[in-house]
Amino acid sequence: MTTPTLFNLAFTLAAPFWALLILAPGWRWTDRIAASPLPMVPVLAVYAALAIPVFPQLWAAVSHPDLAGFQELLRLGGGAGAIWAQVIAWDLFLGQWMYREARELGIHPLVMGPLLLLTVLLSPVGVLLFLALRAGARRLRRPDATPPRQPAPTAAGQHG
């Protein structure tokens, strides 16, 4: 397969899983799929197909990171494609985690759908917004944070 084909394939393989997370929340198969690492495997296979031919440049860029090294890596079709596939796999991992957390916290799918879509497009923004939403949802679900009152000690210094 050509590098452009593999580049396009990375998102094409992830898109059906994103569609389930966004459009079919609560369906038992969506819940099962979201709990599995398997949706990332095909994207990671594309990553490997793109990364192996440029592995020396990829290793140089990640083992001694500097801007010039990454710019050089991104000039290579396979390098840019490998980074893209890595981002797609990571975003899918984040999306699955967000979906499961939202289900556990009872965050409504009409809130999560747009947030997951934002995460597909701009994962750092989507994840930051989700973390804020998650913190608020956890605060609302947490039992009263004030400690229980203890009975006053008796004359003998023991609680009654």
Protein backbone atom coordinates (compact mmCIF):
# COMPACT_ATOMS: atom_id res chain seq x y z
CA MET A 1 0.00 0.00 0.00
CA THR A 2 1.14 3.50 -0.69
CA THR A 3 1.87 6.03 2.03
CA PRO A 4 -1.12 8.25 1.08
CA THR A 5 -3.42 5.21 1.17
CA LEU A 6 -2.15 4.20 4.61
CA PHE A 7 -2.46 7.79 5.82
CA ASN A 8 -6.13 7.85 4.79
CA LEU A 9 -6.73 4.37 6.15
CA ALA A 10 -5.75 5.37 9.69
CA PHE A 11 -8.80 7.56 10.21
CA THR A 12 -11.06 5.36 8.09
CA LEU A 13 -10.37 2.46 10.47
CA ALA A 14 -11.11 4.56 13.56
CA ALA A 15 -14.20 6.37 12.24
CA PRO A 16 -16.72 3.53 12.79
CA PHE A 17 -15.73 3.31 16.46
CA TRP A 18 -16.08 7.06 16.89
CA ALA A 19 -19.50 6.83 15.23
CA LEU A 20 -20.58 4.23 17.79
CA LEU A 21 -19.35 6.31 20.72
CA ILE A 22 -21.11 9.42 19.45
CA LEU A 23 -24.24 8.08 17.72
CA ALA A 24 -25.04 4.86 19.60
CA PRO A 25 -24.29 5.52 23.27
CA GLY A 26 -25.78 3.02 25.62
CA TRP A 27 -26.12 0.29 23.01
CA ARG A 28 -24.67 -2.79 24.69
CA TRP A 29 -22.25 -3.41 21.80
CA THR A 30 -21.00 0.17 22.04
CA ASP A 31 -20.35 -0.34 25.74
CA ARG A 32 -18.46 -3.57 25.04
CA ILE A 33 -16.42 -2.06 22.23
CA ALA A 34 -15.59 1.01 24.32
CA ALA A 35 -14.25 -1.28 27.05
CA SER A 36 -11.91 -3.09 24.64
CA PRO A 37 -8.47 -2.08 23.39
CA LEU A 38 -9.11 -3.91 20.12
CA PRO A 39 -10.49 -0.93 18.13
CA MET A 40 -7.01 0.62 18.24
CA VAL A 41 -5.23 -2.45 16.86
CA PRO A 42 -5.95 -1.83 13.14
CA VAL A 43 -4.84 1.79 13.47
CA LEU A 44 -1.69 0.67 15.26
CA ALA A 45 -1.04 -1.78 12.42
CA VAL A 46 -1.21 1.16 10.00
CA TYR A 47 1.16 3.01 12.31
CA ALA A 48 3.61 0.12 12.12
CA ALA A 49 3.36 -0.06 8.33
CA LEU A 50 4.19 3.65 8.13
CA ALA A 51 6.76 3.78 10.94
CA ILE A 52 8.92 0.77 10.09
CA PRO A 53 10.31 2.20 6.82
CA VAL A 54 11.26 5.47 8.54
CA PHE A 55 12.17 3.99 11.90
CA PRO A 56 15.72 5.45 12.08
CA GLN A 57 14.36 8.98 11.56
CA LEU A 58 11.41 8.32 13.88
CA TRP A 59 13.70 7.01 16.62
CA ALA A 60 16.03 9.97 16.23
CA ALA A 61 13.10 12.38 16.54
CA VAL A 62 11.61 10.78 19.65
CA SER A 63 14.78 9.76 21.49
CA HIS A 64 16.35 13.23 21.22
CA PRO A 65 13.38 15.50 20.61
CA ASP A 66 13.97 18.85 19.05
CA LEU A 67 11.92 20.85 16.60
CA ALA A 68 14.30 20.37 13.68
CA GLY A 69 14.23 16.58 14.10
CA PHE A 70 10.44 16.50 14.06
CA GLN A 71 10.33 18.81 11.07
CA GLU A 72 12.65 16.44 9.24
CA LEU A 73 10.52 13.45 10.22
CA LEU A 74 7.35 15.19 9.04
CA ARG A 75 8.93 15.88 5.63
CA LEU A 76 8.97 12.13 5.08
CA GLY A 77 5.58 10.84 3.94
CA GLY A 78 5.86 7.80 6.18
CA GLY A 79 6.98 9.95 9.09
CA ALA A 80 4.02 12.29 8.85
CA GLY A 81 1.74 9.31 8.28
CA ALA A 82 3.13 7.47 11.31
CA ILE A 83 2.62 10.49 13.54
CA TRP A 84 -0.91 10.87 12.15
CA ALA A 85 -1.74 7.20 12.83
CA GLN A 86 -0.30 7.54 16.34
CA VAL A 87 -2.51 10.57 16.98
CA ILE A 88 -5.57 8.74 15.62
CA ALA A 89 -4.93 5.71 17.86
CA TRP A 90 -4.32 7.91 20.90
CA ASP A 91 -7.43 9.98 20.24
CA LEU A 92 -9.50 6.81 19.98
CA PHE A 93 -8.05 5.61 23.27
CA LEU A 94 -9.00 8.94 24.88
CA GLY A 95 -12.47 8.82 23.32
CA GLN A 96 -13.12 5.33 24.67
CA TRP A 97 -11.97 6.39 28.13
CA MET A 98 -14.11 9.53 28.05
CA TYR A 99 -17.14 7.52 26.91
CA ARG A 100 -16.74 5.01 29.76
CA GLU A 101 -16.15 7.72 32.37
CA ALA A 102 -19.19 9.66 31.18
CA ARG A 103 -21.38 6.55 31.36
CA GLU A 104 -20.16 5.84 34.89
CA LEU A 105 -20.78 9.42 36.00
CA GLY A 106 -24.17 9.65 34.28
CA ILE A 107 -23.17 12.46 31.92
CA HIS A 108 -25.89 12.67 29.28
CA PRO A 109 -25.06 11.47 25.74
CA LEU A 110 -26.30 14.78 24.29
CA VAL A 111 -23.50 16.47 26.20
CA MET A 112 -20.92 13.82 25.37
CA GLY A 113 -21.68 13.55 21.65
CA PRO A 114 -20.45 17.06 20.76
CA LEU A 115 -17.59 16.72 23.24
CA LEU A 116 -16.45 13.46 21.64
CA LEU A 117 -16.72 15.06 18.20
CA LEU A 118 -14.55 17.92 19.41
CA THR A 119 -12.10 15.36 20.76
CA VAL A 120 -11.87 13.68 17.33
CA LEU A 121 -10.99 17.02 15.77
CA LEU A 122 -8.98 18.75 18.52
CA SER A 123 -8.28 16.21 21.23
CA PRO A 124 -6.46 18.52 23.67
CA VAL A 125 -9.43 20.92 23.72
CA GLY A 126 -11.97 18.10 24.01
CA VAL A 127 -10.06 16.36 26.78
CA LEU A 128 -9.60 19.55 28.80
CA LEU A 129 -13.31 20.33 28.57
CA PHE A 130 -14.14 16.76 29.53
CA LEU A 131 -11.82 16.89 32.54
CA ALA A 132 -13.60 20.02 33.75
CA LEU A 133 -17.01 18.40 33.18
CA ARG A 134 -15.83 15.22 34.90
CA ALA A 135 -14.61 17.15 37.94
CA GLY A 136 -17.97 18.88 38.22
CA ALA A 137 -19.89 15.64 37.80
CA ARG A 138 -17.77 13.93 40.45
CA ARG A 139 -18.27 16.82 42.85
CA LEU A 140 -22.03 16.52 42.40
CA ARG A 141 -21.96 12.76 42.98
CA ARG A 142 -19.65 12.87 46.01
CA PRO A 143 -21.35 12.46 49.38
CA ASP A 144 -21.23 15.38 51.76
CA ALA A 145 -17.58 16.15 52.43
CA THR A 146 -18.16 17.29 56.02
CA PRO A 147 -17.03 14.70 58.56
CA PRO A 148 -19.67 13.12 60.77
CA ARG A 149 -20.11 14.77 64.13
CA GLN A 150 -18.70 12.87 67.06
CA PRO A 151 -20.57 12.78 70.34
CA ALA A 152 -19.18 14.98 73.07
CA PRO A 153 -16.83 13.24 75.52
CA THR A 154 -18.24 12.34 78.93
CA ALA A 155 -16.58 13.24 82.21
CA ALA A 156 -14.52 10.09 82.04
CA GLY A 157 -13.15 11.16 78.64
CA GLN A 158 -15.06 8.52 76.71
CA HIS A 159 -17.64 9.02 74.04
CA GLY A 160 -21.19 8.26 75.13
